[in-house]
Amino acid sequence: MNIGVLLSGSGVYDGSEIHEAVFTLLSIEKNGGDAICFAPNIDQHHVINHLNGEELEETRNVLIESARITRGNIRDVEHADTELLDALVIPGGFGAAKNLSKWAIDGPSSEINSEVRKLIIDMIAEGKPVVGLCMGPTVIAKAVQGTGMTIKLTVGTTEEHSPYDIAEISEGLTFVGAESVMQSIDGIVFDEVNNVITAPCYMMDATISEVNNNVNMAIDKLFEVLKS
């Protein structure tokens, strides 16, 4: 089975969350699938020094940076063909909300990359499962906004500690027409109607092993759906 993996750069503050991306690729392989990676061929919103959090005065390309994670085996999302894909996974990281959409900059009223939007809508319309990890669910929500679809999504829970404002992001999901569901790092949310699976991962105050387990839950569920 061919599983598309949509990346947004390399590094949590301005690209894909590397742990989530690598755990996704590993879990896909362990489940017997083949990962086909994509990223937009665009400039990053900005570049962050991951040592101190400061913005750097340089420009980097999302596709080129994402290639760091995939050892160069990656394609421009413009050339993504849903006929060749059985499912799609979107790891988190701020790049999902800066490069795939602008949620981290402009909130739920932000724009989304048109090629990313088309890929997600086409996958869901064809009944193919889509997985969103961490901030990935906000990309899914923006993609289907205005289509009439109401998808159950989670970015975590307000009942446990998080480094982010889960309540505000959840309200944003509701604002764009999704159904926001509270979920801890110990679980996932599956929208059976639309075949969408989401997991909070690093949206919660979680260890690397907890995130690994959460990614595995999501990808295991994905393959359960594909084989059913």
Protein backbone atom coordinates (compact mmCIF):
# COMPACT_ATOMS: atom_id res chain seq x y z
CA MET A 1 0.00 0.00 0.00
CA ASN A 2 1.26 3.47 -0.89
CA ILE A 3 0.96 5.99 1.93
CA GLY A 4 1.53 9.64 1.10
CA VAL A 5 3.39 11.62 3.76
CA LEU A 6 3.03 15.39 3.47
CA LEU A 7 5.98 17.26 4.99
CA SER A 8 6.47 20.97 5.65
CA GLY A 9 10.19 21.42 6.14
CA SER A 10 12.68 20.08 8.69
CA GLY A 11 12.48 21.19 12.32
CA VAL A 12 9.65 21.75 14.77
CA TYR A 13 9.66 25.58 14.82
CA ASP A 14 9.62 26.22 11.07
CA GLY A 15 9.00 22.84 9.43
CA SER A 16 7.92 19.28 10.13
CA GLU A 17 8.37 17.90 13.64
CA ILE A 18 11.21 15.50 12.93
CA HIS A 19 10.34 12.88 15.55
CA GLU A 20 6.74 12.69 14.33
CA ALA A 21 7.85 12.48 10.70
CA VAL A 22 10.42 9.74 11.32
CA PHE A 23 8.08 7.74 13.58
CA THR A 24 5.48 7.96 10.81
CA LEU A 25 7.85 6.62 8.17
CA LEU A 26 8.99 3.81 10.48
CA SER A 27 5.46 2.84 11.47
CA ILE A 28 4.34 2.76 7.83
CA GLU A 29 7.18 0.38 7.00
CA LYS A 30 6.46 -1.83 10.03
CA ASN A 31 2.86 -2.11 8.86
CA GLY A 32 4.00 -3.28 5.43
CA GLY A 33 3.34 -0.02 3.60
CA ASP A 34 5.44 2.13 1.30
CA ALA A 35 5.81 5.82 2.14
CA ILE A 36 5.71 8.32 -0.72
CA CYS A 37 6.76 11.72 0.59
CA PHE A 38 5.67 15.11 -0.68
CA ALA A 39 6.21 18.76 0.20
CA PRO A 40 5.37 22.09 -1.44
CA ASN A 41 8.13 23.57 -3.61
CA ILE A 42 7.85 26.99 -1.96
CA ASP A 43 9.86 29.21 0.37
CA GLN A 44 9.36 28.65 4.08
CA HIS A 45 7.41 31.33 5.94
CA HIS A 46 10.65 32.02 7.81
CA VAL A 47 13.70 30.24 9.24
CA ILE A 48 14.12 29.73 12.98
CA ASN A 49 17.34 29.13 14.90
CA HIS A 50 16.38 26.01 16.88
CA LEU A 51 18.99 26.80 19.55
CA ASN A 52 17.45 30.06 20.72
CA GLY A 53 14.16 30.46 18.86
CA GLU A 54 15.28 33.57 17.01
CA GLU A 55 14.34 34.26 13.39
CA LEU A 56 17.24 34.12 10.93
CA GLU A 57 17.69 36.43 7.96
CA GLU A 58 17.78 33.75 5.32
CA THR A 59 15.42 31.90 2.99
CA ARG A 60 14.94 28.16 2.72
CA ASN A 61 12.78 26.00 0.47
CA VAL A 62 10.18 23.68 2.03
CA LEU A 63 10.77 20.85 -0.44
CA ILE A 64 14.56 20.99 -0.11
CA GLU A 65 14.42 21.12 3.68
CA SER A 66 11.92 18.24 3.83
CA ALA A 67 14.33 16.19 1.73
CA ARG A 68 16.66 16.15 4.74
CA ILE A 69 14.20 13.88 6.55
CA THR A 70 13.57 11.58 3.58
CA ARG A 71 17.20 11.25 2.48
CA GLY A 72 16.25 12.99 -0.76
CA ASN A 73 13.39 10.66 -1.68
CA ILE A 74 10.59 13.20 -1.97
CA ARG A 75 8.37 14.80 -4.61
CA ASP A 76 6.78 18.17 -5.22
CA VAL A 77 3.20 18.04 -3.89
CA GLU A 78 2.14 19.56 -7.22
CA HIS A 79 2.74 16.13 -8.74
CA ALA A 80 0.86 14.12 -6.11
CA ASP A 81 -1.50 11.66 -7.81
CA THR A 82 -4.29 10.38 -5.56
CA GLU A 83 -4.79 7.41 -7.89
CA LEU A 84 -1.39 6.14 -6.75
CA LEU A 85 -2.05 6.72 -3.04
CA ASP A 86 -4.04 4.61 -0.61
CA ALA A 87 -3.84 7.10 2.28
CA LEU A 88 -2.22 10.37 3.39
CA VAL A 89 -0.44 11.29 6.63
CA ILE A 90 0.37 14.85 7.75
CA PRO A 91 2.94 15.05 10.58
CA GLY A 92 2.89 18.14 12.77
CA GLY A 93 5.40 20.83 13.59
CA PHE A 94 4.92 24.57 13.13
CA GLY A 95 5.66 24.14 9.43
CA ALA A 96 2.23 22.59 9.04
CA ALA A 97 0.76 25.85 10.33
CA LYS A 98 3.28 28.18 8.64
CA ASN A 99 4.08 26.57 5.29
CA LEU A 100 1.12 24.31 4.46
CA SER A 101 -1.27 26.90 5.87
CA LYS A 102 -0.78 30.17 7.75
CA TRP A 103 -2.72 29.13 10.87
CA ALA A 104 0.19 29.97 13.19
CA ILE A 105 0.35 33.47 11.69
CA ASP A 106 -3.28 34.43 10.98
CA GLY A 107 -5.24 31.87 13.01
CA PRO A 108 -8.23 29.95 11.66
CA SER A 109 -8.97 32.72 9.12
CA SER A 110 -5.65 32.02 7.41
CA GLU A 111 -4.98 30.83 3.88
CA ILE A 112 -3.95 27.29 2.93
CA ASN A 113 -1.65 26.22 0.11
CA SER A 114 -3.90 25.44 -2.87
CA GLU A 115 -2.06 22.25 -3.87
CA VAL A 116 -2.19 20.96 -0.29
CA ARG A 117 -5.90 21.74 -0.12
CA LYS A 118 -6.63 19.92 -3.37
CA LEU A 119 -4.68 16.83 -2.29
CA ILE A 120 -6.55 16.55 1.03
CA ILE A 121 -9.98 17.18 -0.47
CA ASP A 122 -9.38 14.68 -3.28
CA MET A 123 -8.23 11.99 -0.84
CA ILE A 124 -11.27 12.41 1.39
CA ALA A 125 -13.64 12.60 -1.58
CA GLU A 126 -12.24 9.30 -2.86
CA GLY A 127 -12.84 7.69 0.54
CA LYS A 128 -9.13 7.31 1.24
CA PRO A 129 -7.97 7.71 4.87
CA VAL A 130 -6.19 10.88 5.99
CA VAL A 131 -4.14 11.08 9.20
CA GLY A 132 -3.28 14.35 10.98
CA LEU A 133 -0.69 14.43 13.77
CA CYS A 134 -0.08 17.30 16.21
CA MET A 135 -0.94 20.48 14.22
CA GLY A 136 -1.75 18.40 11.14
CA PRO A 137 -5.48 18.45 11.99
CA THR A 138 -5.57 22.23 11.46
CA VAL A 139 -4.41 21.68 7.87
CA ILE A 140 -7.18 19.14 7.32
CA ALA A 141 -9.74 21.54 8.84
CA LYS A 142 -8.63 24.41 6.58
CA ALA A 143 -8.65 22.15 3.52
CA VAL A 144 -12.28 21.10 3.94
CA GLN A 145 -13.55 24.47 5.17
CA GLY A 146 -16.54 25.50 3.09
CA THR A 147 -17.08 22.05 1.57
CA GLY A 148 -19.95 21.14 3.89
CA MET A 149 -17.98 18.35 5.54
CA THR A 150 -17.86 18.29 9.34
CA ILE A 151 -14.88 16.21 10.44
CA LYS A 152 -14.05 15.09 13.98
CA LEU A 153 -10.51 16.22 14.82
CA THR A 154 -8.31 16.51 17.88
CA VAL A 155 -5.29 18.62 18.77
CA GLY A 156 -5.18 17.38 22.37
CA THR A 157 -7.02 18.06 25.59
CA THR A 158 -7.36 20.90 28.08
CA GLU A 159 -7.48 18.35 30.91
CA GLU A 160 -3.73 17.71 30.77
CA HIS A 161 -0.68 19.95 30.50
CA SER A 162 0.26 21.27 27.10
CA PRO A 163 2.89 23.80 25.96
CA TYR A 164 0.23 25.26 23.64
CA ASP A 165 -3.22 26.81 23.97
CA ILE A 166 -5.33 23.75 23.23
CA ALA A 167 -8.57 25.57 24.00
CA GLU A 168 -7.83 28.34 21.49
CA ILE A 169 -6.77 25.96 18.72
CA SER A 170 -9.80 23.75 19.38
CA GLU A 171 -12.05 26.79 19.12
CA GLY A 172 -10.36 27.55 15.81
CA LEU A 173 -11.22 24.09 14.53
CA THR A 174 -14.85 24.72 15.43
CA PHE A 175 -14.70 28.15 13.76
CA VAL A 176 -13.74 26.62 10.40
CA GLY A 177 -16.46 23.99 10.61
CA ALA A 178 -14.78 20.95 12.21
CA GLU A 179 -15.91 19.10 15.33
CA SER A 180 -13.18 19.45 17.94
CA VAL A 181 -12.71 16.45 20.24
CA MET A 182 -10.59 16.41 23.41
CA GLN A 183 -8.08 13.56 23.47
CA SER A 184 -5.01 12.80 25.55
CA ILE A 185 -1.63 11.52 24.37
CA ASP A 186 -2.90 8.03 25.22
CA GLY A 187 -5.45 7.97 22.42
CA ILE A 188 -6.53 8.98 18.94
CA VAL A 189 -9.75 10.21 17.32
CA PHE A 190 -11.26 8.35 14.35
CA ASP A 191 -13.93 9.97 12.21
CA GLU A 192 -15.57 6.89 10.71
CA VAL A 193 -17.70 8.89 8.28
CA ASN A 194 -14.79 10.64 6.57
CA ASN A 195 -11.98 8.13 7.36
CA VAL A 196 -9.90 10.76 9.15
CA ILE A 197 -7.59 9.83 12.04
CA THR A 198 -5.97 12.40 14.32
CA ALA A 199 -3.56 12.21 17.25
CA PRO A 200 -2.24 14.97 19.55
CA CYS A 201 1.43 13.87 19.74
CA TYR A 202 3.63 16.84 20.76
CA MET A 203 0.65 19.15 21.21
CA MET A 204 0.66 17.63 24.69
CA ASP A 205 3.51 17.72 27.19
CA ALA A 206 4.74 14.30 26.13
CA THR A 207 7.96 12.30 26.13
CA ILE A 208 9.50 11.00 22.93
CA SER A 209 8.35 7.47 23.75
CA GLU A 210 4.80 8.68 24.39
CA VAL A 211 4.79 10.44 21.04
CA ASN A 212 6.15 7.33 19.35
CA ASN A 213 3.32 5.28 20.89
CA ASN A 214 0.75 7.88 19.81
CA VAL A 215 2.02 7.90 16.22
CA ASN A 216 1.94 4.10 16.19
CA MET A 217 -1.68 4.16 17.41
CA ALA A 218 -2.63 6.42 14.51
CA ILE A 219 -0.73 4.49 11.83
CA ASP A 220 -1.88 1.11 13.17
CA LYS A 221 -5.46 2.38 12.99
CA LEU A 222 -4.80 3.62 9.45
CA PHE A 223 -3.77 0.15 8.30
CA GLU A 224 -6.69 -1.41 10.15
CA VAL A 225 -8.99 0.83 8.13
CA LEU A 226 -7.17 0.08 4.88
CA LYS A 227 -7.43 -3.68 5.44
CA SER A 228 -11.07 -3.64 6.52
